[in-house]
Amino acid sequence: MIEINEISLLTLTNCPHCHTAKILLDKYKIKYREINFDNEENKEIFQKLKINHVPYLLVPKSEGYDLIDGDININNWVKKHIV
């Protein structure tokens, strides 16, 4: 299991859904680390998590992390936990 100790957004360059997710997180001033698949050093993270589409939001919890996929589900998570 990968250790996730901060909210992280898994993205791909030029992905419109990723852009939407980033705008949403920025709007509500949610601090996050962007992990872009196009960066060679991040590809291992995607492989270990078996991520085959983006965006994905990784939210740390006491044991492990929650994976929230897609901009709509990320929006729902923000509304439930932040707004």
C-alpha atoms as a PDB file:
ATOM      1  CA  MET A   1       0.000   0.000   0.000  1.00  0.00           C
ATOM      2  CA  ILE A   2       1.191   3.511  -0.809  1.00  0.00           C
ATOM      3  CA  GLU A   3       1.422   5.928   2.093  1.00  0.00           C
ATOM      4  CA  ILE A   4      -0.772   8.963   1.474  1.00  0.00           C
ATOM      5  CA  ASN A   5      -0.402  11.687   4.095  1.00  0.00           C
ATOM      6  CA  GLU A   6      -1.945  14.625   2.250  1.00  0.00           C
ATOM      7  CA  ILE A   7      -4.870  15.118  -0.100  1.00  0.00           C
ATOM      8  CA  SER A   8      -3.611  14.291  -3.573  1.00  0.00           C
ATOM      9  CA  LEU A   9      -5.172  14.771  -6.989  1.00  0.00           C
ATOM     10  CA  LEU A  10      -4.111  12.346  -9.700  1.00  0.00           C
ATOM     11  CA  THR A  11      -4.245  14.043 -13.081  1.00  0.00           C
ATOM     12  CA  LEU A  12      -3.217  13.924 -16.711  1.00  0.00           C
ATOM     13  CA  THR A  13      -2.105  16.939 -18.738  1.00  0.00           C
ATOM     14  CA  ASN A  14      -4.874  18.377 -20.942  1.00  0.00           C
ATOM     15  CA  CYS A  15      -7.583  16.370 -19.162  1.00  0.00           C
ATOM     16  CA  PRO A  16     -10.713  18.569 -18.978  1.00  0.00           C
ATOM     17  CA  HIS A  17     -12.164  16.638 -16.023  1.00  0.00           C
ATOM     18  CA  CYS A  18      -8.881  17.076 -14.125  1.00  0.00           C
ATOM     19  CA  HIS A  19      -9.012  20.805 -14.839  1.00  0.00           C
ATOM     20  CA  THR A  20     -12.560  20.934 -13.459  1.00  0.00           C
ATOM     21  CA  ALA A  21     -11.476  19.080 -10.303  1.00  0.00           C
ATOM     22  CA  LYS A  22      -8.542  21.475  -9.771  1.00  0.00           C
ATOM     23  CA  ILE A  23     -10.814  24.516 -10.174  1.00  0.00           C
ATOM     24  CA  LEU A  24     -13.209  23.067  -7.587  1.00  0.00           C
ATOM     25  CA  LEU A  25     -10.477  22.305  -5.043  1.00  0.00           C
ATOM     26  CA  ASP A  26      -8.925  25.738  -5.567  1.00  0.00           C
ATOM     27  CA  LYS A  27     -12.325  27.450  -5.233  1.00  0.00           C
ATOM     28  CA  TYR A  28     -12.784  25.988  -1.754  1.00  0.00           C
ATOM     29  CA  LYS A  29      -9.106  26.516  -0.864  1.00  0.00           C
ATOM     30  CA  ILE A  30      -8.498  22.802  -0.373  1.00  0.00           C
ATOM     31  CA  LYS A  31      -4.778  22.190  -0.275  1.00  0.00           C
ATOM     32  CA  TYR A  32      -3.709  19.251  -2.385  1.00  0.00           C
ATOM     33  CA  ARG A  33      -0.700  17.732  -4.061  1.00  0.00           C
ATOM     34  CA  GLU A  34      -1.066  17.186  -7.787  1.00  0.00           C
ATOM     35  CA  ILE A  35       0.334  13.905  -9.070  1.00  0.00           C
ATOM     36  CA  ASN A  36       0.438  14.065 -12.870  1.00  0.00           C
ATOM     37  CA  PHE A  37       0.749  10.841 -14.861  1.00  0.00           C
ATOM     38  CA  ASP A  38       2.804  12.619 -17.535  1.00  0.00           C
ATOM     39  CA  ASN A  39       5.606  13.041 -15.009  1.00  0.00           C
ATOM     40  CA  GLU A  40       7.691   9.890 -15.366  1.00  0.00           C
ATOM     41  CA  GLU A  41       8.414   9.631 -11.635  1.00  0.00           C
ATOM     42  CA  ASN A  42       4.679   9.429 -10.856  1.00  0.00           C
ATOM     43  CA  LYS A  43       3.838   6.487 -13.124  1.00  0.00           C
ATOM     44  CA  GLU A  44       4.705   3.981 -10.392  1.00  0.00           C
ATOM     45  CA  ILE A  45       2.050   5.517  -8.120  1.00  0.00           C
ATOM     46  CA  PHE A  46      -0.602   5.064 -10.812  1.00  0.00           C
ATOM     47  CA  GLN A  47       0.502   1.465 -11.365  1.00  0.00           C
ATOM     48  CA  LYS A  48       0.502   0.559  -7.670  1.00  0.00           C
ATOM     49  CA  LEU A  49      -2.951   2.083  -7.190  1.00  0.00           C
ATOM     50  CA  LYS A  50      -4.199   0.462 -10.420  1.00  0.00           C
ATOM     51  CA  ILE A  51      -5.451   3.831 -11.642  1.00  0.00           C
ATOM     52  CA  ASN A  52      -6.494   3.693 -15.293  1.00  0.00           C
ATOM     53  CA  HIS A  53      -8.437   6.947 -15.581  1.00  0.00           C
ATOM     54  CA  VAL A  54      -8.328  10.403 -14.030  1.00  0.00           C
ATOM     55  CA  PRO A  55      -9.046  12.492 -12.062  1.00  0.00           C
ATOM     56  CA  TYR A  56      -8.751  10.656  -8.775  1.00  0.00           C
ATOM     57  CA  LEU A  57      -8.697  12.307  -5.369  1.00  0.00           C
ATOM     58  CA  LEU A  58      -6.795  10.466  -2.639  1.00  0.00           C
ATOM     59  CA  VAL A  59      -7.884  11.470   0.837  1.00  0.00           C
ATOM     60  CA  PRO A  60      -5.850  10.184   3.781  1.00  0.00           C
ATOM     61  CA  LYS A  61      -7.646   8.664   6.742  1.00  0.00           C
ATOM     62  CA  SER A  62      -6.476   7.015   9.942  1.00  0.00           C
ATOM     63  CA  GLU A  63      -5.734   3.756   8.128  1.00  0.00           C
ATOM     64  CA  GLY A  64      -5.015   4.138   4.437  1.00  0.00           C
ATOM     65  CA  TYR A  65      -6.927   6.496   2.201  1.00  0.00           C
ATOM     66  CA  ASP A  66     -10.170   6.988   0.324  1.00  0.00           C
ATOM     67  CA  LEU A  67     -10.129   7.027  -3.481  1.00  0.00           C
ATOM     68  CA  ILE A  68     -12.679   9.329  -5.104  1.00  0.00           C
ATOM     69  CA  ASP A  69     -12.865   9.024  -8.877  1.00  0.00           C
ATOM     70  CA  GLY A  70     -14.159  11.523 -11.398  1.00  0.00           C
ATOM     71  CA  ASP A  71     -14.878  15.209 -11.158  1.00  0.00           C
ATOM     72  CA  ILE A  72     -18.536  14.639 -10.246  1.00  0.00           C
ATOM     73  CA  ASN A  73     -17.667  12.389  -7.286  1.00  0.00           C
ATOM     74  CA  ILE A  74     -14.923  14.806  -6.230  1.00  0.00           C
ATOM     75  CA  ASN A  75     -17.502  17.605  -6.317  1.00  0.00           C
ATOM     76  CA  ASN A  76     -19.867  15.513  -4.167  1.00  0.00           C
ATOM     77  CA  TRP A  77     -17.044  14.792  -1.681  1.00  0.00           C
ATOM     78  CA  VAL A  78     -16.243  18.512  -1.401  1.00  0.00           C
ATOM     79  CA  LYS A  79     -19.886  19.402  -0.815  1.00  0.00           C
ATOM     80  CA  LYS A  80     -20.239  16.691   1.844  1.00  0.00           C
ATOM     81  CA  HIS A  81     -17.006  17.349   3.732  1.00  0.00           C
ATOM     82  CA  ILE A  82     -16.004  20.950   3.114  1.00  0.00           C
ATOM     83  CA  VAL A  83     -18.934  23.173   2.157  1.00  0.00           C
END
